[in-house]
Each structure stands twice: as structure tokens, then as C-alpha cells.
PDB file of N, CA and C in Angstrom:
ATOM      1  N   UNK A   1     102.628  99.157  44.086  1.00  0.00           N
ATOM      2  CA  UNK A   1     101.353  98.506  43.939  1.00  0.00           C
ATOM      3  C   UNK A   1     100.383  99.107  44.957  1.00  0.00           C
ATOM      4  N   UNK A   2      99.214  99.490  44.496  1.00  0.00           N
ATOM      5  CA  UNK A   2      98.227 100.110  45.378  1.00  0.00           C
ATOM      6  C   UNK A   2      97.449  99.038  46.144  1.00  0.00           C
ATOM      7  N   UNK A   3      96.734  99.489  47.167  1.00  0.00           N
ATOM      8  CA  UNK A   3      95.917  98.555  47.937  1.00  0.00           C
ATOM      9  C   UNK A   3      94.801  97.965  47.086  1.00  0.00           C
ATOM     10  N   UNK A   4      94.281  98.761  46.157  1.00  0.00           N
ATOM     11  CA  UNK A   4      93.257  98.250  45.261  1.00  0.00           C
ATOM     12  C   UNK A   4      93.763  97.108  44.400  1.00  0.00           C
ATOM     13  N   UNK A   5      94.992  97.216  43.932  1.00  0.00           N
ATOM     14  CA  UNK A   5      95.581  96.135  43.144  1.00  0.00           C
ATOM     15  C   UNK A   5      95.817  94.886  43.998  1.00  0.00           C
ATOM     16  N   UNK A   6      96.283  95.091  45.223  1.00  0.00           N
ATOM     17  CA  UNK A   6      96.489  93.955  46.129  1.00  0.00           C
ATOM     18  C   UNK A   6      95.156  93.282  46.431  1.00  0.00           C
ATOM     19  N   UNK A   7      94.128  94.085  46.670  1.00  0.00           N
ATOM     20  CA  UNK A   7      92.786  93.571  46.923  1.00  0.00           C
ATOM     21  C   UNK A   7      92.309  92.730  45.728  1.00  0.00           C
ATOM     22  N   UNK A   8      92.560  93.218  44.541  1.00  0.00           N
ATOM     23  CA  UNK A   8      92.169  92.490  43.339  1.00  0.00           C
ATOM     24  C   UNK A   8      92.945  91.195  43.153  1.00  0.00           C
ATOM     25  N   UNK A   9      94.228  91.229  43.458  1.00  0.00           N
ATOM     26  CA  UNK A   9      95.037  90.009  43.303  1.00  0.00           C
ATOM     27  C   UNK A   9      94.702  88.957  44.343  1.00  0.00           C
ATOM     28  N   UNK A  10      94.393  89.385  45.547  1.00  0.00           N
ATOM     29  CA  UNK A  10      93.935  88.413  46.549  1.00  0.00           C
ATOM     30  C   UNK A  10      92.598  87.822  46.099  1.00  0.00           C
ATOM     31  N   UNK A  11      91.758  88.647  45.496  1.00  0.00           N
ATOM     32  CA  UNK A  11      90.500  88.142  44.948  1.00  0.00           C
ATOM     33  C   UNK A  11      90.722  87.106  43.866  1.00  0.00           C
ATOM     34  N   UNK A  12      91.669  87.369  42.962  1.00  0.00           N
ATOM     35  CA  UNK A  12      91.996  86.377  41.928  1.00  0.00           C
ATOM     36  C   UNK A  12      92.507  85.086  42.551  1.00  0.00           C
ATOM     37  N   UNK A  13      93.366  85.216  43.560  1.00  0.00           N
ATOM     38  CA  UNK A  13      93.900  84.030  44.234  1.00  0.00           C
ATOM     39  C   UNK A  13      92.775  83.248  44.915  1.00  0.00           C
ATOM     40  N   UNK A  14      91.846  83.952  45.562  1.00  0.00           N
ATOM     41  CA  UNK A  14      90.729  83.277  46.225  1.00  0.00           C
ATOM     42  C   UNK A  14      89.843  82.573  45.204  1.00  0.00           C
ATOM     43  N   UNK A  15      89.607  83.213  44.074  1.00  0.00           N
ATOM     44  CA  UNK A  15      88.789  82.606  43.025  1.00  0.00           C
ATOM     45  C   UNK A  15      89.422  81.312  42.524  1.00  0.00           C
ATOM     46  N   UNK A  16      90.681  81.377  42.152  1.00  0.00           N
ATOM     47  CA  UNK A  16      91.368  80.184  41.639  1.00  0.00           C
ATOM     48  C   UNK A  16      91.493  79.102  42.709  1.00  0.00           C
ATOM     49  N   UNK A  17      91.804  79.503  43.938  1.00  0.00           N
ATOM     50  CA  UNK A  17      91.961  78.544  45.022  1.00  0.00           C
ATOM     51  C   UNK A  17      90.654  77.795  45.275  1.00  0.00           C
ATOM     52  N   UNK A  18      89.540  78.518  45.301  1.00  0.00           N
ATOM     53  CA  UNK A  18      88.257  77.872  45.576  1.00  0.00           C
ATOM     54  C   UNK A  18      87.802  76.995  44.415  1.00  0.00           C
ATOM     55  N   UNK A  19      88.130  77.377  43.192  1.00  0.00           N
ATOM     56  CA  UNK A  19      87.812  76.505  42.056  1.00  0.00           C
ATOM     57  C   UNK A  19      88.594  75.203  42.174  1.00  0.00           C
ATOM     58  N   UNK A  20      89.881  75.302  42.480  1.00  0.00           N
ATOM     59  CA  UNK A  20      90.709  74.101  42.626  1.00  0.00           C
ATOM     60  C   UNK A  20      90.213  73.240  43.793  1.00  0.00           C
ATOM     61  N   UNK A  21      89.865  73.879  44.911  1.00  0.00           N
ATOM     62  CA  UNK A  21      89.359  73.125  46.063  1.00  0.00           C
ATOM     63  C   UNK A  21      88.047  72.433  45.727  1.00  0.00           C
ATOM     64  N   UNK A  22      87.183  73.109  44.980  1.00  0.00           N
ATOM     65  CA  UNK A  22      85.915  72.508  44.593  1.00  0.00           C
ATOM     66  C   UNK A  22      86.085  71.339  43.646  1.00  0.00           C
ATOM     67  N   UNK A  23      86.929  71.497  42.641  1.00  0.00           N
ATOM     68  CA  UNK A  23      87.161  70.411  41.687  1.00  0.00           C
ATOM     69  C   UNK A  23      87.829  69.220  42.375  1.00  0.00           C
ATOM     70  N   UNK A  24      88.810  69.505  43.223  1.00  0.00           N
ATOM     71  CA  UNK A  24      89.468  68.424  43.953  1.00  0.00           C
ATOM     72  C   UNK A  24      88.463  67.707  44.868  1.00  0.00           C
ATOM     73  N   UNK A  25      87.583  68.477  45.494  1.00  0.00           N
ATOM     74  CA  UNK A  25      86.572  67.871  46.350  1.00  0.00           C
ATOM     75  C   UNK A  25      85.598  66.996  45.566  1.00  0.00           C
ATOM     76  N   UNK A  26      85.232  67.421  44.369  1.00  0.00           N
ATOM     77  CA  UNK A  26      84.339  66.601  43.542  1.00  0.00           C
ATOM     78  C   UNK A  26      85.036  65.307  43.128  1.00  0.00           C
ATOM     79  N   UNK A  27      86.309  65.400  42.797  1.00  0.00           N
ATOM     80  CA  UNK A  27      87.062  64.186  42.448  1.00  0.00           C
ATOM     81  C   UNK A  27      87.111  63.241  43.642  1.00  0.00           C
ATOM     82  N   UNK A  28      87.358  63.775  44.824  1.00  0.00           N
ATOM     83  CA  UNK A  28      87.391  62.938  46.035  1.00  0.00           C
ATOM     84  C   UNK A  28      86.015  62.330  46.302  1.00  0.00           C
ATOM     85  N   UNK A  29      84.962  63.096  46.083  1.00  0.00           N
ATOM     86  CA  UNK A  29      83.600  62.602  46.300  1.00  0.00           C
ATOM     87  C   UNK A  29      83.279  61.466  45.329  1.00  0.00           C
ATOM     88  N   UNK A  30      83.668  61.620  44.059  1.00  0.00           N
ATOM     89  CA  UNK A  30      83.412  60.586  43.051  1.00  0.00           C
ATOM     90  C   UNK A  30      84.183  59.306  43.370  1.00  0.00           C
ATOM     91  N   UNK A  31      85.273  59.425  44.125  1.00  0.00           N
ATOM     92  CA  UNK A  31      86.040  58.255  44.551  1.00  0.00           C
ATOM     93  C   UNK A  31      85.564  57.740  45.909  1.00  0.00           C
ATOM     94  N   UNK A  32      84.418  58.258  46.385  1.00  0.00           N
ATOM     95  CA  UNK A  32      83.792  57.859  47.661  1.00  0.00           C
ATOM     96  C   UNK A  32      84.704  58.077  48.858  1.00  0.00           C
ATOM     97  N   UNK A  33      85.442  59.177  48.826  1.00  0.00           N
ATOM     98  CA  UNK A  33      86.312  59.523  49.950  1.00  0.00           C
ATOM     99  C   UNK A  33      85.653  60.599  50.795  1.00  0.00           C
ATOM    100  N   UNK A  34      85.895  60.545  52.077  1.00  0.00           N
ATOM    101  CA  UNK A  34      85.440  61.588  52.971  1.00  0.00           C
ATOM    102  C   UNK A  34      86.473  62.694  53.080  1.00  0.00           C
ATOM    103  N   UNK A  35      86.223  63.618  53.954  1.00  0.00           N
ATOM    104  CA  UNK A  35      87.146  64.736  54.159  1.00  0.00           C
ATOM    105  C   UNK A  35      88.274  64.267  55.076  1.00  0.00           C
ATOM    106  N   UNK A  36      89.494  64.361  54.598  1.00  0.00           N
ATOM    107  CA  UNK A  36      90.644  64.021  55.422  1.00  0.00           C
ATOM    108  C   UNK A  36      91.343  65.307  55.875  1.00  0.00           C
ATOM    109  N   UNK A  37      92.460  65.144  56.557  1.00  0.00           N
ATOM    110  CA  UNK A  37      93.173  66.307  57.099  1.00  0.00           C
ATOM    111  C   UNK A  37      93.724  67.204  55.988  1.00  0.00           C
ATOM    112  N   UNK A  38      94.102  66.621  54.862  1.00  0.00           N
ATOM    113  CA  UNK A  38      94.607  67.432  53.754  1.00  0.00           C
ATOM    114  C   UNK A  38      93.528  68.365  53.218  1.00  0.00           C
ATOM    115  N   UNK A  39      92.340  67.816  52.989  1.00  0.00           N
ATOM    116  CA  UNK A  39      91.260  68.645  52.454  1.00  0.00           C
ATOM    117  C   UNK A  39      90.776  69.653  53.497  1.00  0.00           C
ATOM    118  N   UNK A  40      90.771  69.247  54.747  1.00  0.00           N
ATOM    119  CA  UNK A  40      90.410  70.187  55.805  1.00  0.00           C
ATOM    120  C   UNK A  40      91.389  71.358  55.841  1.00  0.00           C
ATOM    121  N   UNK A  41      92.664  71.080  55.642  1.00  0.00           N
ATOM    122  CA  UNK A  41      93.658  72.151  55.568  1.00  0.00           C
ATOM    123  C   UNK A  41      93.407  73.090  54.405  1.00  0.00           C
ATOM    124  N   UNK A  42      92.990  72.534  53.272  1.00  0.00           N
ATOM    125  CA  UNK A  42      92.661  73.365  52.110  1.00  0.00           C
ATOM    126  C   UNK A  42      91.478  74.270  52.436  1.00  0.00           C
ATOM    127  N   UNK A  43      90.477  73.734  53.119  1.00  0.00           N
ATOM    128  CA  UNK A  43      89.324  74.556  53.505  1.00  0.00           C
ATOM    129  C   UNK A  43      89.738  75.693  54.442  1.00  0.00           C
ATOM    130  N   UNK A  44      90.621  75.395  55.364  1.00  0.00           N
ATOM    131  CA  UNK A  44      91.076  76.416  56.311  1.00  0.00           C
ATOM    132  C   UNK A  44      91.881  77.490  55.598  1.00  0.00           C
ATOM    133  N   UNK A  45      92.777  77.089  54.701  1.00  0.00           N
ATOM    134  CA  UNK A  45      93.561  78.070  53.947  1.00  0.00           C
ATOM    135  C   UNK A  45      92.645  78.926  53.067  1.00  0.00           C
ATOM    136  N   UNK A  46      91.651  78.307  52.462  1.00  0.00           N
ATOM    137  CA  UNK A  46      90.700  79.065  51.657  1.00  0.00           C
ATOM    138  C   UNK A  46      89.931  80.085  52.480  1.00  0.00           C
ATOM    139  N   UNK A  47      89.539  79.687  53.681  1.00  0.00           N
ATOM    140  CA  UNK A  47      88.829  80.619  54.555  1.00  0.00           C
ATOM    141  C   UNK A  47      89.739  81.764  54.987  1.00  0.00           C
ATOM    142  N   UNK A  48      90.989  81.462  55.286  1.00  0.00           N
ATOM    143  CA  UNK A  48      91.945  82.516  55.645  1.00  0.00           C
ATOM    144  C   UNK A  48      92.129  83.481  54.484  1.00  0.00           C
ATOM    145  N   UNK A  49      92.140  82.964  53.278  1.00  0.00           N
ATOM    146  CA  UNK A  49      92.296  83.799  52.087  1.00  0.00           C
ATOM    147  C   UNK A  49      91.121  84.763  51.918  1.00  0.00           C
ATOM    148  N   UNK A  50      89.901  84.272  52.091  1.00  0.00           N
ATOM    149  CA  UNK A  50      88.756  85.174  51.935  1.00  0.00           C
ATOM    150  C   UNK A  50      88.640  86.129  53.124  1.00  0.00           C
ATOM    151  N   UNK A  51      89.099  85.724  54.299  1.00  0.00           N
ATOM    152  CA  UNK A  51      89.126  86.644  55.441  1.00  0.00           C
ATOM    153  C   UNK A  51      90.127  87.762  55.189  1.00  0.00           C
ATOM    154  N   UNK A  52      91.282  87.420  54.623  1.00  0.00           N
ATOM    155  CA  UNK A  52      92.267  88.453  54.279  1.00  0.00           C
ATOM    156  C   UNK A  52      91.699  89.413  53.247  1.00  0.00           C
ATOM    157  N   UNK A  53      90.969  88.884  52.290  1.00  0.00           N
ATOM    158  CA  UNK A  53      90.339  89.714  51.258  1.00  0.00           C
ATOM    159  C   UNK A  53      89.336  90.679  51.899  1.00  0.00           C
ATOM    160  N   UNK A  54      88.494  90.159  52.777  1.00  0.00           N
ATOM    161  CA  UNK A  54      87.506  91.007  53.443  1.00  0.00           C
ATOM    162  C   UNK A  54      88.183  92.038  54.334  1.00  0.00           C
ATOM    163  N   UNK A  55      89.201  91.633  55.059  1.00  0.00           N
ATOM    164  CA  UNK A  55      89.889  92.552  55.963  1.00  0.00           C
ATOM    165  C   UNK A  55      90.516  93.716  55.204  1.00  0.00           C
ATOM    166  N   UNK A  56      91.157  93.418  54.092  1.00  0.00           N
ATOM    167  CA  UNK A  56      91.751  94.482  53.289  1.00  0.00           C
ATOM    168  C   UNK A  56      90.670  95.384  52.704  1.00  0.00           C
ATOM    169  N   UNK A  57      89.576  94.802  52.267  1.00  0.00           N
ATOM    170  CA  UNK A  57      88.474  95.605  51.745  1.00  0.00           C
ATOM    171  C   UNK A  57      87.864  96.503  52.808  1.00  0.00           C
ATOM    172  N   UNK A  58      87.684  95.977  54.011  1.00  0.00           N
ATOM    173  CA  UNK A  58      87.161  96.807  55.107  1.00  0.00           C
ATOM    174  C   UNK A  58      88.123  97.939  55.453  1.00  0.00           C
ATOM    175  N   UNK A  59      89.410  97.646  55.447  1.00  0.00           N
ATOM    176  CA  UNK A  59      90.397  98.691  55.715  1.00  0.00           C
ATOM    177  C   UNK A  59      90.315  99.794  54.656  1.00  0.00           C
ATOM    178  N   UNK A  60      90.169  99.385  53.411  1.00  0.00           N
ATOM    179  CA  UNK A  60      90.087 100.369  52.332  1.00  0.00           C
ATOM    180  C   UNK A  60      88.851 101.244  52.466  1.00  0.00           C
ATOM    181  N   UNK A  61      87.743 100.654  52.884  1.00  0.00           N
ATOM    182  CA  UNK A  61      86.496 101.412  52.996  1.00  0.00           C
ATOM    183  C   UNK A  61      86.472 102.253  54.266  1.00  0.00           C
ATOM    184  N   UNK A  62      86.818 101.669  55.392  1.00  0.00           N
ATOM    185  CA  UNK A  62      86.672 102.367  56.669  1.00  0.00           C
ATOM    186  C   UNK A  62      87.817 103.325  56.969  1.00  0.00           C
ATOM    187  N   UNK A  63      89.043 102.916  56.732  1.00  0.00           N
ATOM    188  CA  UNK A  63      90.181 103.759  57.098  1.00  0.00           C
ATOM    189  C   UNK A  63      90.573 104.726  55.997  1.00  0.00           C
ATOM    190  N   UNK A  64      90.464 104.297  54.759  1.00  0.00           N
ATOM    191  CA  UNK A  64      90.918 105.134  53.647  1.00  0.00           C
ATOM    192  C   UNK A  64      89.777 105.804  52.898  1.00  0.00           C
ATOM    193  N   UNK A  65      88.555 105.492  53.279  1.00  0.00           N
ATOM    194  CA  UNK A  65      87.348 106.057  52.650  1.00  0.00           C
ATOM    195  C   UNK A  65      87.306 105.813  51.149  1.00  0.00           C
ATOM    196  N   UNK A  66      87.812 104.676  50.712  1.00  0.00           N
ATOM    197  CA  UNK A  66      87.694 104.277  49.316  1.00  0.00           C
ATOM    198  C   UNK A  66      86.428 103.457  49.166  1.00  0.00           C
ATOM    199  N   UNK A  67      85.745 103.625  48.065  1.00  0.00           N
ATOM    200  CA  UNK A  67      84.548 102.833  47.826  1.00  0.00           C
ATOM    201  C   UNK A  67      84.566 102.341  46.390  1.00  0.00           C
ATOM    202  N   UNK A  68      83.866 101.244  46.134  1.00  0.00           N
ATOM    203  CA  UNK A  68      83.822 100.731  44.759  1.00  0.00           C
ATOM    204  C   UNK A  68      83.232 101.767  43.812  1.00  0.00           C
ATOM    205  N   UNK A  69      83.702 101.768  42.586  1.00  0.00           N
ATOM    206  CA  UNK A  69      83.243 102.757  41.619  1.00  0.00           C
ATOM    207  C   UNK A  69      81.967 102.337  40.925  1.00  0.00           C
ATOM    208  N   UNK A  70      81.458 101.162  41.221  1.00  0.00           N
ATOM    209  CA  UNK A  70      80.227 100.695  40.589  1.00  0.00           C
ATOM    210  C   UNK A  70      79.024 101.409  41.182  1.00  0.00           C
ATOM    211  N   UNK A  71      77.885 101.247  40.548  1.00  0.00           N
ATOM    212  CA  UNK A  71      76.672 101.925  40.988  1.00  0.00           C
ATOM    213  C   UNK A  71      76.085 101.395  42.277  1.00  0.00           C
ATOM    214  N   UNK A  72      76.361 100.131  42.612  1.00  0.00           N
ATOM    215  CA  UNK A  72      75.787  99.524  43.816  1.00  0.00           C
ATOM    216  C   UNK A  72      76.892  98.928  44.687  1.00  0.00           C
ATOM    217  N   UNK A  73      77.613  99.756  45.430  1.00  0.00           N
ATOM    218  CA  UNK A  73      78.703  99.203  46.248  1.00  0.00           C
ATOM    219  C   UNK A  73      78.207  98.288  47.355  1.00  0.00           C
ATOM    220  N   UNK A  74      76.981  98.468  47.831  1.00  0.00           N
ATOM    221  CA  UNK A  74      76.460  97.622  48.897  1.00  0.00           C
ATOM    222  C   UNK A  74      76.400  96.160  48.450  1.00  0.00           C
ATOM    223  N   UNK A  75      76.196  95.926  47.145  1.00  0.00           N
ATOM    224  CA  UNK A  75      76.156  94.564  46.647  1.00  0.00           C
ATOM    225  C   UNK A  75      77.539  93.912  46.733  1.00  0.00           C
ATOM    226  N   UNK A  76      78.567  94.691  46.457  1.00  0.00           N
ATOM    227  CA  UNK A  76      79.941  94.208  46.581  1.00  0.00           C
ATOM    228  C   UNK A  76      80.230  93.839  48.035  1.00  0.00           C
ATOM    229  N   UNK A  77      79.805  94.677  48.964  1.00  0.00           N
ATOM    230  CA  UNK A  77      80.002  94.400  50.387  1.00  0.00           C
ATOM    231  C   UNK A  77      79.236  93.145  50.812  1.00  0.00           C
ATOM    232  N   UNK A  78      78.017  92.988  50.332  1.00  0.00           N
ATOM    233  CA  UNK A  78      77.211  91.823  50.667  1.00  0.00           C
ATOM    234  C   UNK A  78      77.879  90.537  50.202  1.00  0.00           C
ATOM    235  N   UNK A  79      78.373  90.531  48.964  1.00  0.00           N
ATOM    236  CA  UNK A  79      79.082  89.355  48.459  1.00  0.00           C
ATOM    237  C   UNK A  79      80.309  89.052  49.319  1.00  0.00           C
ATOM    238  N   UNK A  80      81.023  90.072  49.736  1.00  0.00           N
ATOM    239  CA  UNK A  80      82.199  89.860  50.575  1.00  0.00           C
ATOM    240  C   UNK A  80      81.860  89.214  51.899  1.00  0.00           C
ATOM    241  N   UNK A  81      80.810  89.701  52.551  1.00  0.00           N
ATOM    242  CA  UNK A  81      80.438  89.134  53.850  1.00  0.00           C
ATOM    243  C   UNK A  81      79.889  87.711  53.711  1.00  0.00           C
ATOM    244  N   UNK A  82      79.091  87.466  52.683  1.00  0.00           N
ATOM    245  CA  UNK A  82      78.547  86.123  52.486  1.00  0.00           C
ATOM    246  C   UNK A  82      79.668  85.140  52.167  1.00  0.00           C
ATOM    247  N   UNK A  83      80.659  85.587  51.405  1.00  0.00           N
ATOM    248  CA  UNK A  83      81.792  84.733  51.070  1.00  0.00           C
ATOM    249  C   UNK A  83      82.520  84.269  52.326  1.00  0.00           C
ATOM    250  N   UNK A  84      82.734  85.174  53.254  1.00  0.00           N
ATOM    251  CA  UNK A  84      83.458  84.824  54.482  1.00  0.00           C
ATOM    252  C   UNK A  84      82.612  83.947  55.401  1.00  0.00           C
ATOM    253  N   UNK A  85      81.321  84.139  55.405  1.00  0.00           N
ATOM    254  CA  UNK A  85      80.465  83.413  56.340  1.00  0.00           C
ATOM    255  C   UNK A  85      80.020  82.042  55.844  1.00  0.00           C
ATOM    256  N   UNK A  86      80.223  81.726  54.575  1.00  0.00           N
ATOM    257  CA  UNK A  86      79.670  80.498  54.010  1.00  0.00           C
ATOM    258  C   UNK A  86      80.276  79.231  54.600  1.00  0.00           C
ATOM    259  N   UNK A  87      81.588  79.087  54.603  1.00  0.00           N
ATOM    260  CA  UNK A  87      82.203  77.864  55.145  1.00  0.00           C
ATOM    261  C   UNK A  87      81.910  77.668  56.640  1.00  0.00           C
ATOM    262  N   UNK A  88      82.033  78.711  57.476  1.00  0.00           N
ATOM    263  CA  UNK A  88      81.659  78.503  58.876  1.00  0.00           C
ATOM    264  C   UNK A  88      80.176  78.157  59.056  1.00  0.00           C
ATOM    265  N   UNK A  89      79.318  78.695  58.199  1.00  0.00           N
ATOM    266  CA  UNK A  89      77.891  78.375  58.289  1.00  0.00           C
ATOM    267  C   UNK A  89      77.636  76.914  57.942  1.00  0.00           C
ATOM    268  N   UNK A  90      78.310  76.403  56.936  1.00  0.00           N
ATOM    269  CA  UNK A  90      78.159  74.992  56.573  1.00  0.00           C
ATOM    270  C   UNK A  90      78.721  74.103  57.676  1.00  0.00           C
ATOM    271  N   UNK A  91      79.830  74.496  58.248  1.00  0.00           N
ATOM    272  CA  UNK A  91      80.413  73.735  59.360  1.00  0.00           C
ATOM    273  C   UNK A  91      79.439  73.698  60.541  1.00  0.00           C
ATOM    274  N   UNK A  92      78.816  74.822  60.843  1.00  0.00           N
ATOM    275  CA  UNK A  92      77.844  74.863  61.936  1.00  0.00           C
ATOM    276  C   UNK A  92      76.602  74.043  61.587  1.00  0.00           C
ATOM    277  N   UNK A  93      76.160  74.110  60.346  1.00  0.00           N
ATOM    278  CA  UNK A  93      74.984  73.360  59.917  1.00  0.00           C
ATOM    279  C   UNK A  93      75.209  71.858  60.034  1.00  0.00           C
ATOM    280  N   UNK A  94      76.396  71.409  59.666  1.00  0.00           N
ATOM    281  CA  UNK A  94      76.704  69.974  59.742  1.00  0.00           C
ATOM    282  C   UNK A  94      77.192  69.560  61.124  1.00  0.00           C
ATOM    283  N   UNK A  95      77.324  70.518  62.037  1.00  0.00           N
ATOM    284  CA  UNK A  95      77.811  70.291  63.394  1.00  0.00           C
ATOM    285  C   UNK A  95      79.191  69.635  63.398  1.00  0.00           C
ATOM    286  N   UNK A  96      80.008  70.026  62.419  1.00  0.00           N
ATOM    287  CA  UNK A  96      81.369  69.535  62.349  1.00  0.00           C
ATOM    288  C   UNK A  96      81.508  68.125  61.813  1.00  0.00           C
ATOM    289  N   UNK A  97      80.431  67.541  61.322  1.00  0.00           N
ATOM    290  CA  UNK A  97      80.474  66.180  60.791  1.00  0.00           C
ATOM    291  C   UNK A  97      81.164  66.205  59.434  1.00  0.00           C
ATOM    292  N   UNK A  98      82.316  65.541  59.328  1.00  0.00           N
ATOM    293  CA  UNK A  98      83.102  65.533  58.095  1.00  0.00           C
ATOM    294  C   UNK A  98      83.675  64.143  57.852  1.00  0.00           C
ATOM    295  N   UNK A  99      82.831  63.150  57.768  1.00  0.00           N
ATOM    296  CA  UNK A  99      83.365  61.797  57.704  1.00  0.00           C
ATOM    297  C   UNK A  99      83.047  61.053  56.426  1.00  0.00           C
ATOM    298  N   UNK A 100      81.873  61.206  55.861  1.00  0.00           N
ATOM    299  CA  UNK A 100      81.547  60.399  54.696  1.00  0.00           C
ATOM    300  C   UNK A 100      81.628  61.205  53.404  1.00  0.00           C
ATOM    301  N   UNK A 101      81.367  60.520  52.301  1.00  0.00           N
ATOM    302  CA  UNK A 101      81.515  61.172  50.996  1.00  0.00           C
ATOM    303  C   UNK A 101      80.443  62.225  50.746  1.00  0.00           C
ATOM    304  N   UNK A 102      79.306  62.116  51.409  1.00  0.00           N
ATOM    305  CA  UNK A 102      78.278  63.152  51.246  1.00  0.00           C
ATOM    306  C   UNK A 102      78.759  64.493  51.799  1.00  0.00           C
ATOM    307  N   UNK A 103      79.486  64.455  52.901  1.00  0.00           N
ATOM    308  CA  UNK A 103      80.067  65.674  53.452  1.00  0.00           C
ATOM    309  C   UNK A 103      81.111  66.248  52.496  1.00  0.00           C
ATOM    310  N   UNK A 104      81.872  65.357  51.862  1.00  0.00           N
ATOM    311  CA  UNK A 104      82.866  65.789  50.884  1.00  0.00           C
ATOM    312  C   UNK A 104      82.186  66.510  49.726  1.00  0.00           C
ATOM    313  N   UNK A 105      81.075  65.971  49.256  1.00  0.00           N
ATOM    314  CA  UNK A 105      80.342  66.600  48.158  1.00  0.00           C
ATOM    315  C   UNK A 105      79.819  67.969  48.575  1.00  0.00           C
ATOM    316  N   UNK A 106      79.286  68.051  49.789  1.00  0.00           N
ATOM    317  CA  UNK A 106      78.760  69.326  50.270  1.00  0.00           C
ATOM    318  C   UNK A 106      79.839  70.399  50.290  1.00  0.00           C
ATOM    319  N   UNK A 107      80.982  70.090  50.868  1.00  0.00           N
ATOM    320  CA  UNK A 107      82.060  71.083  50.947  1.00  0.00           C
ATOM    321  C   UNK A 107      82.655  71.391  49.574  1.00  0.00           C
ATOM    322  N   UNK A 108      82.682  70.422  48.676  1.00  0.00           N
ATOM    323  CA  UNK A 108      83.185  70.684  47.321  1.00  0.00           C
ATOM    324  C   UNK A 108      82.284  71.677  46.604  1.00  0.00           C
ATOM    325  N   UNK A 109      80.977  71.466  46.685  1.00  0.00           N
ATOM    326  CA  UNK A 109      80.061  72.377  46.000  1.00  0.00           C
ATOM    327  C   UNK A 109      79.996  73.736  46.690  1.00  0.00           C
ATOM    328  N   UNK A 110      80.214  73.755  48.000  1.00  0.00           N
ATOM    329  CA  UNK A 110      80.283  75.040  48.699  1.00  0.00           C
ATOM    330  C   UNK A 110      81.513  75.820  48.245  1.00  0.00           C
ATOM    331  N   UNK A 111      82.628  75.143  48.020  1.00  0.00           N
ATOM    332  CA  UNK A 111      83.824  75.830  47.503  1.00  0.00           C
ATOM    333  C   UNK A 111      83.546  76.434  46.133  1.00  0.00           C
ATOM    334  N   UNK A 112      82.838  75.703  45.284  1.00  0.00           N
ATOM    335  CA  UNK A 112      82.485  76.250  43.974  1.00  0.00           C
ATOM    336  C   UNK A 112      81.502  77.415  44.107  1.00  0.00           C
ATOM    337  N   UNK A 113      80.598  77.337  45.079  1.00  0.00           N
ATOM    338  CA  UNK A 113      79.684  78.449  45.345  1.00  0.00           C
ATOM    339  C   UNK A 113      80.462  79.682  45.799  1.00  0.00           C
ATOM    340  N   UNK A 114      81.447  79.489  46.663  1.00  0.00           N
ATOM    341  CA  UNK A 114      82.278  80.607  47.116  1.00  0.00           C
ATOM    342  C   UNK A 114      83.044  81.197  45.942  1.00  0.00           C
ATOM    343  N   UNK A 115      83.543  80.345  45.050  1.00  0.00           N
ATOM    344  CA  UNK A 115      84.233  80.844  43.859  1.00  0.00           C
ATOM    345  C   UNK A 115      83.294  81.700  43.023  1.00  0.00           C
ATOM    346  N   UNK A 116      82.036  81.279  42.900  1.00  0.00           N
ATOM    347  CA  UNK A 116      81.060  82.071  42.149  1.00  0.00           C
ATOM    348  C   UNK A 116      80.796  83.403  42.844  1.00  0.00           C
ATOM    349  N   UNK A 117      80.730  83.401  44.175  1.00  0.00           N
ATOM    350  CA  UNK A 117      80.540  84.651  44.915  1.00  0.00           C
ATOM    351  C   UNK A 117      81.728  85.590  44.742  1.00  0.00           C
ATOM    352  N   UNK A 118      82.926  85.035  44.782  1.00  0.00           N
ATOM    353  CA  UNK A 118      84.125  85.851  44.594  1.00  0.00           C
ATOM    354  C   UNK A 118      84.121  86.466  43.193  1.00  0.00           C
ATOM    355  N   UNK A 119      83.788  85.655  42.198  1.00  0.00           N
ATOM    356  CA  UNK A 119      83.733  86.174  40.832  1.00  0.00           C
ATOM    357  C   UNK A 119      82.667  87.260  40.705  1.00  0.00           C
ATOM    358  N   UNK A 120      81.522  87.014  41.286  1.00  0.00           N
ATOM    359  CA  UNK A 120      80.435  87.989  41.206  1.00  0.00           C
ATOM    360  C   UNK A 120      80.814  89.286  41.921  1.00  0.00           C
ATOM    361  N   UNK A 121      81.488  89.180  43.048  1.00  0.00           N
ATOM    362  CA  UNK A 121      81.915  90.404  43.741  1.00  0.00           C
ATOM    363  C   UNK A 121      82.946  91.171  42.922  1.00  0.00           C
ATOM    364  N   UNK A 122      83.755  90.443  42.143  1.00  0.00           N
ATOM    365  CA  UNK A 122      84.735  91.119  41.284  1.00  0.00           C
ATOM    366  C   UNK A 122      84.039  91.886  40.164  1.00  0.00           C
ATOM    367  N   UNK A 123      82.912  91.381  39.704  1.00  0.00           N
ATOM    368  CA  UNK A 123      82.211  92.049  38.609  1.00  0.00           C
ATOM    369  C   UNK A 123      81.341  93.205  39.079  1.00  0.00           C
ATOM    370  N   UNK A 124      81.005  93.242  40.366  1.00  0.00           N
ATOM    371  CA  UNK A 124      80.132  94.315  40.839  1.00  0.00           C
ATOM    372  C   UNK A 124      80.864  95.574  41.213  1.00  0.00           C
ATOM    373  N   UNK A 125      82.152  95.491  41.423  1.00  0.00           N
ATOM    374  CA  UNK A 125      82.881  96.696  41.836  1.00  0.00           C
ATOM    375  C   UNK A 125      84.333  96.601  41.439  1.00  0.00           C
ATOM    376  N   UNK A 126      84.894  97.741  41.131  1.00  0.00           N
ATOM    377  CA  UNK A 126      86.322  97.856  40.847  1.00  0.00           C
ATOM    378  C   UNK A 126      86.840  99.088  41.568  1.00  0.00           C
ATOM    379  N   UNK A 127      87.865  98.904  42.362  1.00  0.00           N
ATOM    380  CA  UNK A 127      88.411 100.035  43.104  1.00  0.00           C
ATOM    381  C   UNK A 127      89.353 100.827  42.229  1.00  0.00           C
TER     382      UNK A 127
END
């Protein structure tokens, strides 16, 4: 299995994981639940997954001089960086406040936004 295939499979895993995290978060929000330790763990695992995706992509570009075959590789890179920075940016914006159902809704929709970014990055480039 090549690094490009591994990069793609981690991308698929991140896409599915973030969709599941977003849907689960919306269900929790509709039940007026806040963020508990279980959901916080899901957010952390999701962030680790997208960091692994970015790290492998950076290794492929910087160390192996591989680049996306699409016409605009910079767009693929931009989606990758925004994907990794989104959850920490929301955490900083909320100053770590994760107690009520409004926070649950915010993080649920952010997970779905990250899933959309992951999908969009998959469509902009193929190694």
C-alpha cells in the first residue's frame, strides 16, 4: 500500500468519523445535553485523526516531493490546514466553555463543517 493510499484512507476515516460525531452531537443537542467526557473524547480523537492526515500529507509533499495532481494544489493544502485548525479555534473562541446544550450544538455543527472540508479536500486533489 502506497502512502497516497494510506493518506486517502485516513481521509475517508476522518470524513466518516466527523459525520458520526456531528450527527451524534446533534442528537445530544436535541436532547438538551451538554458536552460530557465521552463527547469530548470523540472530539479529541477526531482532532488526532485530522492531525495524522495533515502530518502524512506534509511528509508526502515536503520529504517525498509528491504533489496533488489537480490543477490547484494550494487549495488542497488550504483545506487541510483549515481542517486541523477548526476545532482548536472553536475551543479558543468559546474559552473552553463546554457545559450547556448550545455548546453541544456548536461543536456538532463544527464536526459537520470539518467533514465537509475533508470531503472538499478529497475532491480537489488526488495523489
